[in-house]
PDB file of N, CA and C in Angstrom:
ATOM      1  N   MET A   1       4.623 -38.044 -14.807  1.00  0.00           N
ATOM      2  CA  MET A   1       5.107 -38.777 -13.741  1.00  0.00           C
ATOM      3  C   MET A   1       3.987 -39.816 -12.951  1.00  0.00           C
ATOM      4  N   ALA A   2       3.186 -39.237 -12.773  1.00  0.00           N
ATOM      5  CA  ALA A   2       2.810 -40.005 -11.906  1.00  0.00           C
ATOM      6  C   ALA A   2       1.741 -41.066 -12.286  1.00  0.00           C
ATOM      7  N   LEU A   3       1.611 -40.822 -13.768  1.00  0.00           N
ATOM      8  CA  LEU A   3       0.703 -42.195 -14.224  1.00  0.00           C
ATOM      9  C   LEU A   3       1.810 -43.027 -14.467  1.00  0.00           C
ATOM     10  N   ARG A   4       3.328 -42.508 -14.880  1.00  0.00           N
ATOM     11  CA  ARG A   4       4.485 -44.175 -15.097  1.00  0.00           C
ATOM     12  C   ARG A   4       4.580 -44.701 -13.408  1.00  0.00           C
ATOM     13  N   PHE A   5       4.599 -43.683 -12.282  1.00  0.00           N
ATOM     14  CA  PHE A   5       4.513 -44.705 -11.589  1.00  0.00           C
ATOM     15  C   PHE A   5       3.554 -45.560 -11.295  1.00  0.00           C
ATOM     16  N   ALA A   6       1.937 -44.335 -11.841  1.00  0.00           N
ATOM     17  CA  ALA A   6       0.965 -46.099 -11.201  1.00  0.00           C
ATOM     18  C   ALA A   6       0.793 -47.299 -12.307  1.00  0.00           C
ATOM     19  N   ARG A   7       2.085 -47.022 -13.690  1.00  0.00           N
ATOM     20  CA  ARG A   7       1.220 -48.170 -14.072  1.00  0.00           C
ATOM     21  C   ARG A   7       3.485 -48.985 -14.097  1.00  0.00           C
ATOM     22  N   ARG A   8       3.668 -48.838 -13.066  1.00  0.00           N
ATOM     23  CA  ARG A   8       4.780 -49.227 -12.192  1.00  0.00           C
ATOM     24  C   ARG A   8       4.487 -50.220 -11.221  1.00  0.00           C
ATOM     25  N   VAL A   9       3.288 -49.486 -10.597  1.00  0.00           N
ATOM     26  CA  VAL A   9       3.107 -50.191  -9.403  1.00  0.00           C
ATOM     27  C   VAL A   9       2.236 -51.567  -9.828  1.00  0.00           C
ATOM     28  N   ARG A  10       1.012 -51.175 -10.954  1.00  0.00           N
ATOM     29  CA  ARG A  10       0.710 -52.088 -11.217  1.00  0.00           C
ATOM     30  C   ARG A  10       1.229 -53.235 -12.327  1.00  0.00           C
ATOM     31  N   GLY A  11       3.055 -53.236 -12.580  1.00  0.00           N
ATOM     32  CA  GLY A  11       3.331 -54.437 -12.945  1.00  0.00           C
ATOM     33  C   GLY A  11       3.355 -53.751 -15.107  1.00  0.00           C
ATOM     34  N   GLN A  12       2.780 -52.754 -14.931  1.00  0.00           N
ATOM     35  CA  GLN A  12       2.408 -52.683 -16.470  1.00  0.00           C
ATOM     36  C   GLN A  12       3.963 -52.397 -17.141  1.00  0.00           C
ATOM     37  N   PRO A  13       4.688 -52.689 -17.909  1.00  0.00           N
ATOM     38  CA  PRO A  13       5.859 -51.895 -18.766  1.00  0.00           C
ATOM     39  C   PRO A  13       5.339 -49.943 -18.865  1.00  0.00           C
ATOM     40  N   VAL A  14       6.837 -49.545 -18.359  1.00  0.00           N
ATOM     41  CA  VAL A  14       7.032 -48.274 -18.856  1.00  0.00           C
ATOM     42  C   VAL A  14       7.707 -47.937 -19.679  1.00  0.00           C
ATOM     43  N   LYS A  15       7.483 -46.941 -20.754  1.00  0.00           N
ATOM     44  CA  LYS A  15       9.025 -46.439 -21.149  1.00  0.00           C
ATOM     45  C   LYS A  15       9.785 -45.791 -21.005  1.00  0.00           C
ATOM     46  N   LEU A  16      11.285 -45.334 -21.912  1.00  0.00           N
ATOM     47  CA  LEU A  16      11.891 -44.272 -20.780  1.00  0.00           C
ATOM     48  C   LEU A  16      11.216 -43.024 -20.726  1.00  0.00           C
ATOM     49  N   LEU A  17      12.019 -42.232 -19.532  1.00  0.00           N
ATOM     50  CA  LEU A  17      11.006 -40.541 -19.350  1.00  0.00           C
ATOM     51  C   LEU A  17      12.336 -39.826 -20.201  1.00  0.00           C
ATOM     52  N   LEU A  18      10.974 -39.229 -21.424  1.00  0.00           N
ATOM     53  CA  LEU A  18      11.849 -38.367 -21.283  1.00  0.00           C
ATOM     54  C   LEU A  18      13.478 -37.502 -21.097  1.00  0.00           C
ATOM     55  N   ALA A  19      14.581 -36.917 -22.123  1.00  0.00           N
ATOM     56  CA  ALA A  19      15.367 -36.765 -21.320  1.00  0.00           C
ATOM     57  C   ALA A  19      15.295 -35.123 -21.014  1.00  0.00           C
ATOM     58  N   ALA A  20      13.477 -34.515 -21.307  1.00  0.00           N
ATOM     59  CA  ALA A  20      14.139 -33.477 -20.349  1.00  0.00           C
ATOM     60  C   ALA A  20      13.142 -33.146 -18.940  1.00  0.00           C
ATOM     61  N   LEU A  21      12.448 -34.418 -18.853  1.00  0.00           N
ATOM     62  CA  LEU A  21      12.004 -34.982 -17.742  1.00  0.00           C
ATOM     63  C   LEU A  21      12.965 -35.798 -16.933  1.00  0.00           C
ATOM     64  N   ARG A  22      13.879 -36.356 -16.836  1.00  0.00           N
ATOM     65  CA  ARG A  22      15.225 -36.779 -16.106  1.00  0.00           C
ATOM     66  C   ARG A  22      15.526 -36.082 -15.515  1.00  0.00           C
ATOM     67  N   LEU A  23      16.223 -36.968 -13.515  1.00  0.00           N
ATOM     68  CA  LEU A  23      17.306 -35.748 -12.961  1.00  0.00           C
ATOM     69  C   LEU A  23      17.748 -36.011 -13.215  1.00  0.00           C
ATOM     70  N   SER A  24      19.196 -35.349 -13.485  1.00  0.00           N
ATOM     71  CA  SER A  24      20.447 -35.259 -12.916  1.00  0.00           C
ATOM     72  C   SER A  24      21.235 -35.891 -12.271  1.00  0.00           C
ATOM     73  N   THR A  25      21.850 -36.140 -11.877  1.00  0.00           N
ATOM     74  CA  THR A  25      22.823 -36.884 -10.959  1.00  0.00           C
ATOM     75  C   THR A  25      23.169 -35.798  -9.652  1.00  0.00           C
ATOM     76  N   GLN A  26      23.238 -34.553  -9.419  1.00  0.00           N
ATOM     77  CA  GLN A  26      22.555 -33.674  -8.918  1.00  0.00           C
ATOM     78  C   GLN A  26      21.428 -33.616  -8.623  1.00  0.00           C
ATOM     79  N   GLN A  27      20.496 -33.313  -9.081  1.00  0.00           N
ATOM     80  CA  GLN A  27      18.990 -33.324  -8.732  1.00  0.00           C
ATOM     81  C   GLN A  27      19.082 -34.486  -7.647  1.00  0.00           C
ATOM     82  N   LYS A  28      19.727 -35.274  -8.165  1.00  0.00           N
ATOM     83  CA  LYS A  28      19.006 -36.996  -6.924  1.00  0.00           C
ATOM     84  C   LYS A  28      20.013 -36.910  -5.894  1.00  0.00           C
ATOM     85  N   HIS A  29      21.419 -36.411  -5.893  1.00  0.00           N
ATOM     86  CA  HIS A  29      22.453 -36.244  -5.260  1.00  0.00           C
ATOM     87  C   HIS A  29      21.822 -35.337  -3.566  1.00  0.00           C
ATOM     88  N   ARG A  30      20.835 -33.992  -4.533  1.00  0.00           N
ATOM     89  CA  ARG A  30      20.597 -33.307  -3.895  1.00  0.00           C
ATOM     90  C   ARG A  30      18.741 -33.666  -2.797  1.00  0.00           C
ATOM     91  N   LEU A  31      18.230 -34.387  -4.225  1.00  0.00           N
ATOM     92  CA  LEU A  31      16.779 -35.123  -3.497  1.00  0.00           C
ATOM     93  C   LEU A  31      16.717 -35.956  -1.532  1.00  0.00           C
ATOM     94  N   VAL A  32      17.994 -36.693  -2.491  1.00  0.00           N
ATOM     95  CA  VAL A  32      18.458 -38.049  -1.000  1.00  0.00           C
ATOM     96  C   VAL A  32      18.753 -36.920  -0.293  1.00  0.00           C
ATOM     97  N   GLN A  33      19.700 -36.112  -0.135  1.00  0.00           N
ATOM     98  CA  GLN A  33      20.335 -34.992   0.377  1.00  0.00           C
ATOM     99  C   GLN A  33      18.644 -34.547   1.414  1.00  0.00           C
ATOM    100  N   LEU A  34      18.342 -33.747   1.277  1.00  0.00           N
ATOM    101  CA  LEU A  34      16.771 -33.455   1.169  1.00  0.00           C
ATOM    102  C   LEU A  34      15.537 -34.268   1.955  1.00  0.00           C
ATOM    103  N   LEU A  35      16.254 -35.716   1.465  1.00  0.00           N
ATOM    104  CA  LEU A  35      15.031 -36.790   2.588  1.00  0.00           C
ATOM    105  C   LEU A  35      15.458 -36.818   4.167  1.00  0.00           C
ATOM    106  N   HIS A  36      17.062 -36.981   3.800  1.00  0.00           N
ATOM    107  CA  HIS A  36      17.695 -37.462   4.708  1.00  0.00           C
ATOM    108  C   HIS A  36      17.394 -36.318   5.860  1.00  0.00           C
ATOM    109  N   ALA A  37      18.124 -35.659   5.284  1.00  0.00           N
ATOM    110  CA  ALA A  37      17.223 -33.980   6.395  1.00  0.00           C
ATOM    111  C   ALA A  37      16.112 -34.076   7.176  1.00  0.00           C
ATOM    112  N   PHE A  38      15.101 -34.178   5.674  1.00  0.00           N
ATOM    113  CA  PHE A  38      13.928 -34.211   6.702  1.00  0.00           C
ATOM    114  C   PHE A  38      13.760 -35.258   7.938  1.00  0.00           C
ATOM    115  N   ASP A  39      14.428 -36.786   7.812  1.00  0.00           N
ATOM    116  CA  ASP A  39      14.984 -37.472   8.524  1.00  0.00           C
ATOM    117  C   ASP A  39      15.231 -37.615  10.015  1.00  0.00           C
ATOM    118  N   VAL A  40      16.212 -36.534  10.084  1.00  0.00           N
ATOM    119  CA  VAL A  40      16.897 -36.185  11.129  1.00  0.00           C
ATOM    120  C   VAL A  40      16.221 -35.261  11.799  1.00  0.00           C
ATOM    121  N   HIS A  41      15.779 -34.197  11.089  1.00  0.00           N
ATOM    122  CA  HIS A  41      15.271 -33.375  11.853  1.00  0.00           C
ATOM    123  C   HIS A  41      13.536 -34.082  12.287  1.00  0.00           C
ATOM    124  N   ALA A  42      13.017 -34.899  11.920  1.00  0.00           N
ATOM    125  CA  ALA A  42      11.897 -35.464  12.151  1.00  0.00           C
ATOM    126  C   ALA A  42      11.888 -36.368  13.418  1.00  0.00           C
ATOM    127  N   LEU A  43      12.490 -36.804  13.603  1.00  0.00           N
ATOM    128  CA  LEU A  43      13.387 -37.181  14.568  1.00  0.00           C
ATOM    129  C   LEU A  43      13.514 -36.169  16.445  1.00  0.00           C
ATOM    130  N   GLY A  44      14.294 -35.062  15.697  1.00  0.00           N
ATOM    131  CA  GLY A  44      13.770 -34.069  16.232  1.00  0.00           C
ATOM    132  C   GLY A  44      15.215 -34.321  16.778  1.00  0.00           C
ATOM    133  N   GLY A  45      15.983 -33.798  15.461  1.00  0.00           N
ATOM    134  CA  GLY A  45      18.218 -33.601  15.377  1.00  0.00           C
ATOM    135  C   GLY A  45      17.731 -32.098  14.701  1.00  0.00           C
ATOM    136  N   GLY A  46      19.062 -32.003  14.755  1.00  0.00           N
ATOM    137  CA  GLY A  46      18.629 -29.409  14.594  1.00  0.00           C
ATOM    138  C   GLY A  46      19.966 -29.747  13.713  1.00  0.00           C
ATOM    139  N   PRO A  47      20.103 -28.461  13.580  1.00  0.00           N
ATOM    140  CA  PRO A  47      21.306 -27.901  12.097  1.00  0.00           C
ATOM    141  C   PRO A  47      22.534 -29.424  12.313  1.00  0.00           C
ATOM    142  N   ARG A  48      22.926 -29.000  13.801  1.00  0.00           N
ATOM    143  CA  ARG A  48      24.309 -29.821  14.225  1.00  0.00           C
ATOM    144  C   ARG A  48      24.137 -31.184  13.681  1.00  0.00           C
ATOM    145  N   ASP A  49      23.025 -31.638  13.959  1.00  0.00           N
ATOM    146  CA  ASP A  49      23.093 -33.246  13.811  1.00  0.00           C
ATOM    147  C   ASP A  49      22.827 -33.268  12.252  1.00  0.00           C
ATOM    148  N   VAL A  50      22.052 -32.031  11.403  1.00  0.00           N
ATOM    149  CA  VAL A  50      22.294 -32.701   9.891  1.00  0.00           C
ATOM    150  C   VAL A  50      23.633 -33.004   9.681  1.00  0.00           C
ATOM    151  N   ALA A  51      24.179 -31.350  10.073  1.00  0.00           N
ATOM    152  CA  ALA A  51      25.244 -31.267   9.717  1.00  0.00           C
ATOM    153  C   ALA A  51      26.126 -31.678   9.508  1.00  0.00           C
ATOM    154  N   GLU A  52      26.328 -33.491  10.879  1.00  0.00           N
ATOM    155  CA  GLU A  52      27.411 -34.191  11.068  1.00  0.00           C
ATOM    156  C   GLU A  52      27.158 -35.239   9.631  1.00  0.00           C
ATOM    157  N   LEU A  53      25.293 -35.689  10.404  1.00  0.00           N
ATOM    158  CA  LEU A  53      24.928 -36.802   9.388  1.00  0.00           C
ATOM    159  C   LEU A  53      24.858 -36.790   8.115  1.00  0.00           C
ATOM    160  N   VAL A  54      24.513 -36.002   7.356  1.00  0.00           N
ATOM    161  CA  VAL A  54      23.874 -35.494   6.186  1.00  0.00           C
ATOM    162  C   VAL A  54      25.034 -35.103   5.607  1.00  0.00           C
ATOM    163  N   LEU A  55      25.559 -34.503   6.363  1.00  0.00           N
ATOM    164  CA  LEU A  55      26.612 -33.348   5.231  1.00  0.00           C
ATOM    165  C   LEU A  55      28.203 -33.928   5.359  1.00  0.00           C
ATOM    166  N   ARG A  56      28.293 -34.726   6.688  1.00  0.00           N
ATOM    167  CA  ARG A  56      29.332 -35.075   6.888  1.00  0.00           C
ATOM    168  C   ARG A  56      30.276 -34.235   7.601  1.00  0.00           C
ATOM    169  N   SER A  57      29.895 -33.113   8.444  1.00  0.00           N
ATOM    170  CA  SER A  57      30.300 -32.172   8.401  1.00  0.00           C
ATOM    171  C   SER A  57      31.678 -32.473   9.533  1.00  0.00           C
ATOM    172  N   ASP A  58      32.897 -31.627   9.873  1.00  0.00           N
ATOM    173  CA  ASP A  58      33.064 -31.492  11.009  1.00  0.00           C
ATOM    174  C   ASP A  58      32.575 -30.201  11.851  1.00  0.00           C
ATOM    175  N   GLN A  59      32.760 -29.818  11.435  1.00  0.00           N
ATOM    176  CA  GLN A  59      32.181 -27.975  11.750  1.00  0.00           C
ATOM    177  C   GLN A  59      30.852 -28.446  12.173  1.00  0.00           C
ATOM    178  N   ALA A  60      29.972 -29.282  12.692  1.00  0.00           N
ATOM    179  CA  ALA A  60      29.271 -29.820  13.414  1.00  0.00           C
ATOM    180  C   ALA A  60      29.688 -29.507  14.777  1.00  0.00           C
ATOM    181  N   ARG A  61      31.179 -30.253  14.866  1.00  0.00           N
ATOM    182  CA  ARG A  61      31.915 -30.312  16.883  1.00  0.00           C
ATOM    183  C   ARG A  61      32.112 -28.853  17.599  1.00  0.00           C
ATOM    184  N   PHE A  62      31.467 -28.157  16.066  1.00  0.00           N
ATOM    185  CA  PHE A  62      33.209 -26.319  16.741  1.00  0.00           C
ATOM    186  C   PHE A  62      32.213 -26.082  17.688  1.00  0.00           C
ATOM    187  N   PRO A  63      32.978 -25.203  18.399  1.00  0.00           N
ATOM    188  CA  PRO A  63      32.061 -25.049  19.848  1.00  0.00           C
ATOM    189  C   PRO A  63      31.063 -23.749  18.949  1.00  0.00           C
ATOM    190  N   SER A  64      30.502 -23.572  20.643  1.00  0.00           N
ATOM    191  CA  SER A  64      29.149 -22.529  19.471  1.00  0.00           C
ATOM    192  C   SER A  64      29.587 -21.605  19.325  1.00  0.00           C
ATOM    193  N   VAL A  65      30.585 -20.979  20.149  1.00  0.00           N
ATOM    194  CA  VAL A  65      30.767 -18.827  18.978  1.00  0.00           C
ATOM    195  C   VAL A  65      31.236 -19.736  17.675  1.00  0.00           C
ATOM    196  N   GLU A  66      31.771 -20.715  16.796  1.00  0.00           N
ATOM    197  CA  GLU A  66      32.060 -20.745  15.877  1.00  0.00           C
ATOM    198  C   GLU A  66      31.331 -21.299  14.615  1.00  0.00           C
ATOM    199  N   TRP A  67      30.507 -22.189  15.807  1.00  0.00           N
ATOM    200  CA  TRP A  67      29.587 -22.599  14.862  1.00  0.00           C
ATOM    201  C   TRP A  67      28.396 -21.900  14.369  1.00  0.00           C
ATOM    202  N   LYS A  68      28.103 -20.803  14.293  1.00  0.00           N
ATOM    203  CA  LYS A  68      27.014 -20.043  14.350  1.00  0.00           C
ATOM    204  C   LYS A  68      27.454 -19.268  13.074  1.00  0.00           C
ATOM    205  N   ASP A  69      29.020 -18.957  12.945  1.00  0.00           N
ATOM    206  CA  ASP A  69      29.371 -18.802  11.909  1.00  0.00           C
ATOM    207  C   ASP A  69      30.172 -19.831  10.388  1.00  0.00           C
ATOM    208  N   SER A  70      29.416 -20.933  10.645  1.00  0.00           N
ATOM    209  CA  SER A  70      30.446 -21.806   9.963  1.00  0.00           C
ATOM    210  C   SER A  70      29.139 -21.761   8.662  1.00  0.00           C
ATOM    211  N   LEU A  71      29.577 -22.411   7.266  1.00  0.00           N
ATOM    212  CA  LEU A  71      29.155 -22.546   6.247  1.00  0.00           C
ATOM    213  C   LEU A  71      27.918 -23.973   6.141  1.00  0.00           C
ATOM    214  N   ALA A  72      28.316 -24.517   7.550  1.00  0.00           N
ATOM    215  CA  ALA A  72      27.835 -26.512   7.653  1.00  0.00           C
ATOM    216  C   ALA A  72      26.866 -25.899   8.716  1.00  0.00           C
ATOM    217  N   ARG A  73      26.482 -24.701   9.172  1.00  0.00           N
ATOM    218  CA  ARG A  73      24.792 -24.481   9.736  1.00  0.00           C
ATOM    219  C   ARG A  73      24.409 -23.602   8.508  1.00  0.00           C
ATOM    220  N   ARG A  74      25.008 -23.228   7.719  1.00  0.00           N
ATOM    221  CA  ARG A  74      23.873 -22.398   6.944  1.00  0.00           C
ATOM    222  C   ARG A  74      23.648 -23.555   5.415  1.00  0.00           C
ATOM    223  N   LYS A  75      24.080 -24.504   5.784  1.00  0.00           N
ATOM    224  CA  LYS A  75      23.617 -25.462   4.287  1.00  0.00           C
ATOM    225  C   LYS A  75      23.162 -25.921   5.521  1.00  0.00           C
ATOM    226  N   ALA A  76      22.914 -27.031   6.571  1.00  0.00           N
ATOM    227  CA  ALA A  76      22.599 -27.167   7.077  1.00  0.00           C
ATOM    228  C   ALA A  76      20.420 -27.326   7.543  1.00  0.00           C
ATOM    229  N   ASN A  77      20.341 -25.414   7.716  1.00  0.00           N
ATOM    230  CA  ASN A  77      19.394 -24.393   8.001  1.00  0.00           C
ATOM    231  C   ASN A  77      18.622 -25.013   7.097  1.00  0.00           C
ATOM    232  N   ARG A  78      19.351 -23.880   6.104  1.00  0.00           N
ATOM    233  CA  ARG A  78      18.677 -24.717   4.163  1.00  0.00           C
ATOM    234  C   ARG A  78      17.894 -26.605   3.750  1.00  0.00           C
ATOM    235  N   LEU A  79      19.001 -27.102   3.981  1.00  0.00           N
ATOM    236  CA  LEU A  79      18.878 -27.966   4.045  1.00  0.00           C
ATOM    237  C   LEU A  79      17.328 -28.929   4.253  1.00  0.00           C
ATOM    238  N   ILE A  80      17.755 -28.501   5.877  1.00  0.00           N
ATOM    239  CA  ILE A  80      15.984 -28.862   6.778  1.00  0.00           C
ATOM    240  C   ILE A  80      15.080 -27.984   6.140  1.00  0.00           C
ATOM    241  N   HIS A  81      15.116 -26.502   5.985  1.00  0.00           N
ATOM    242  CA  HIS A  81      14.259 -25.441   5.291  1.00  0.00           C
ATOM    243  C   HIS A  81      13.509 -26.292   3.993  1.00  0.00           C
ATOM    244  N   GLY A  82      14.897 -26.165   2.993  1.00  0.00           N
ATOM    245  CA  GLY A  82      14.166 -27.782   1.593  1.00  0.00           C
ATOM    246  C   GLY A  82      13.469 -28.618   2.052  1.00  0.00           C
ATOM    247  N   SER A  83      13.851 -29.868   2.585  1.00  0.00           N
ATOM    248  CA  SER A  83      13.173 -30.028   3.469  1.00  0.00           C
ATOM    249  C   SER A  83      11.503 -30.869   3.235  1.00  0.00           C
ATOM    250  N   ILE A  84      11.343 -29.495   4.784  1.00  0.00           N
ATOM    251  CA  ILE A  84      10.611 -29.112   4.845  1.00  0.00           C
ATOM    252  C   ILE A  84       9.313 -29.066   3.386  1.00  0.00           C
ATOM    253  N   ALA A  85       9.908 -28.110   2.409  1.00  0.00           N
ATOM    254  CA  ALA A  85       9.046 -28.163   2.094  1.00  0.00           C
ATOM    255  C   ALA A  85       8.774 -29.366   0.801  1.00  0.00           C
ATOM    256  N   LEU A  86       9.614 -29.094   0.872  1.00  0.00           N
ATOM    257  CA  LEU A  86       9.522 -30.557  -0.728  1.00  0.00           C
ATOM    258  C   LEU A  86       8.454 -31.337   0.559  1.00  0.00           C
ATOM    259  N   VAL A  87       8.591 -32.439   1.211  1.00  0.00           N
ATOM    260  CA  VAL A  87       7.657 -33.023   1.622  1.00  0.00           C
ATOM    261  C   VAL A  87       6.790 -32.084   2.370  1.00  0.00           C
ATOM    262  N   GLN A  88       6.562 -31.477   2.126  1.00  0.00           N
ATOM    263  CA  GLN A  88       5.140 -30.438   2.357  1.00  0.00           C
ATOM    264  C   GLN A  88       4.463 -30.201   0.636  1.00  0.00           C
ATOM    265  N   ARG A  89       5.307 -29.836  -0.045  1.00  0.00           N
ATOM    266  CA  ARG A  89       4.419 -29.319  -1.047  1.00  0.00           C
ATOM    267  C   ARG A  89       5.238 -29.342  -2.577  1.00  0.00           C
ATOM    268  N   ASP A  90       6.228 -29.702  -2.650  1.00  0.00           N
ATOM    269  CA  ASP A  90       6.881 -29.310  -3.195  1.00  0.00           C
ATOM    270  C   ASP A  90       7.485 -30.145  -4.273  1.00  0.00           C
ATOM    271  N   TYR A  91       6.925 -31.871  -3.607  1.00  0.00           N
ATOM    272  CA  TYR A  91       7.020 -33.082  -4.454  1.00  0.00           C
ATOM    273  C   TYR A  91       6.237 -33.397  -5.603  1.00  0.00           C
ATOM    274  N   LEU A  92       4.728 -33.071  -5.208  1.00  0.00           N
ATOM    275  CA  LEU A  92       4.157 -32.594  -6.911  1.00  0.00           C
ATOM    276  C   LEU A  92       5.104 -31.444  -7.812  1.00  0.00           C
ATOM    277  N   LYS A  93       6.160 -30.651  -7.637  1.00  0.00           N
ATOM    278  CA  LYS A  93       6.747 -30.114  -8.558  1.00  0.00           C
ATOM    279  C   LYS A  93       7.832 -31.245  -9.187  1.00  0.00           C
ATOM    280  N   LEU A  94       8.613 -32.453  -9.036  1.00  0.00           N
ATOM    281  CA  LEU A  94       8.333 -33.553  -9.666  1.00  0.00           C
ATOM    282  C   LEU A  94       7.466 -34.362  -9.974  1.00  0.00           C
ATOM    283  N   LEU A  95       6.411 -34.554 -10.007  1.00  0.00           N
ATOM    284  CA  LEU A  95       4.920 -35.208 -10.260  1.00  0.00           C
ATOM    285  C   LEU A  95       4.945 -34.417 -11.229  1.00  0.00           C
ATOM    286  N   ARG A  96       4.953 -33.341 -11.706  1.00  0.00           N
ATOM    287  CA  ARG A  96       4.494 -32.562 -12.925  1.00  0.00           C
ATOM    288  C   ARG A  96       5.991 -32.578 -14.117  1.00  0.00           C
ATOM    289  N   GLY A  97       6.682 -32.876 -13.553  1.00  0.00           N
ATOM    290  CA  GLY A  97       8.005 -32.785 -14.137  1.00  0.00           C
ATOM    291  C   GLY A  97       8.700 -31.545 -13.833  1.00  0.00           C
ATOM    292  N   GLY A  98       8.396 -30.334 -13.363  1.00  0.00           N
ATOM    293  CA  GLY A  98       8.907 -29.223 -13.118  1.00  0.00           C
ATOM    294  C   GLY A  98       9.913 -29.475 -12.835  1.00  0.00           C
TER     295      GLY A  98
END
């Protein structure tokens, strides 16, 4: 996949990717969410910000007691941790096709 990227940058023709290496619509959506969550977190945002901006959840406005047990908080925390891992090292799996 890295070779394909390099060819594309150089303006050389690139063949279609093998079906086994293509990302599904769901995988693409997840990657976009992870990168968006990373941007929010890198700018100083916390789980509430990720829940509101990335997940578009109304639960981000819950009082602290309710927010602590909310599904949106758990999802936001998973997105933050997953996004950090993706940016730091897991992107290599994408380049290898895994």
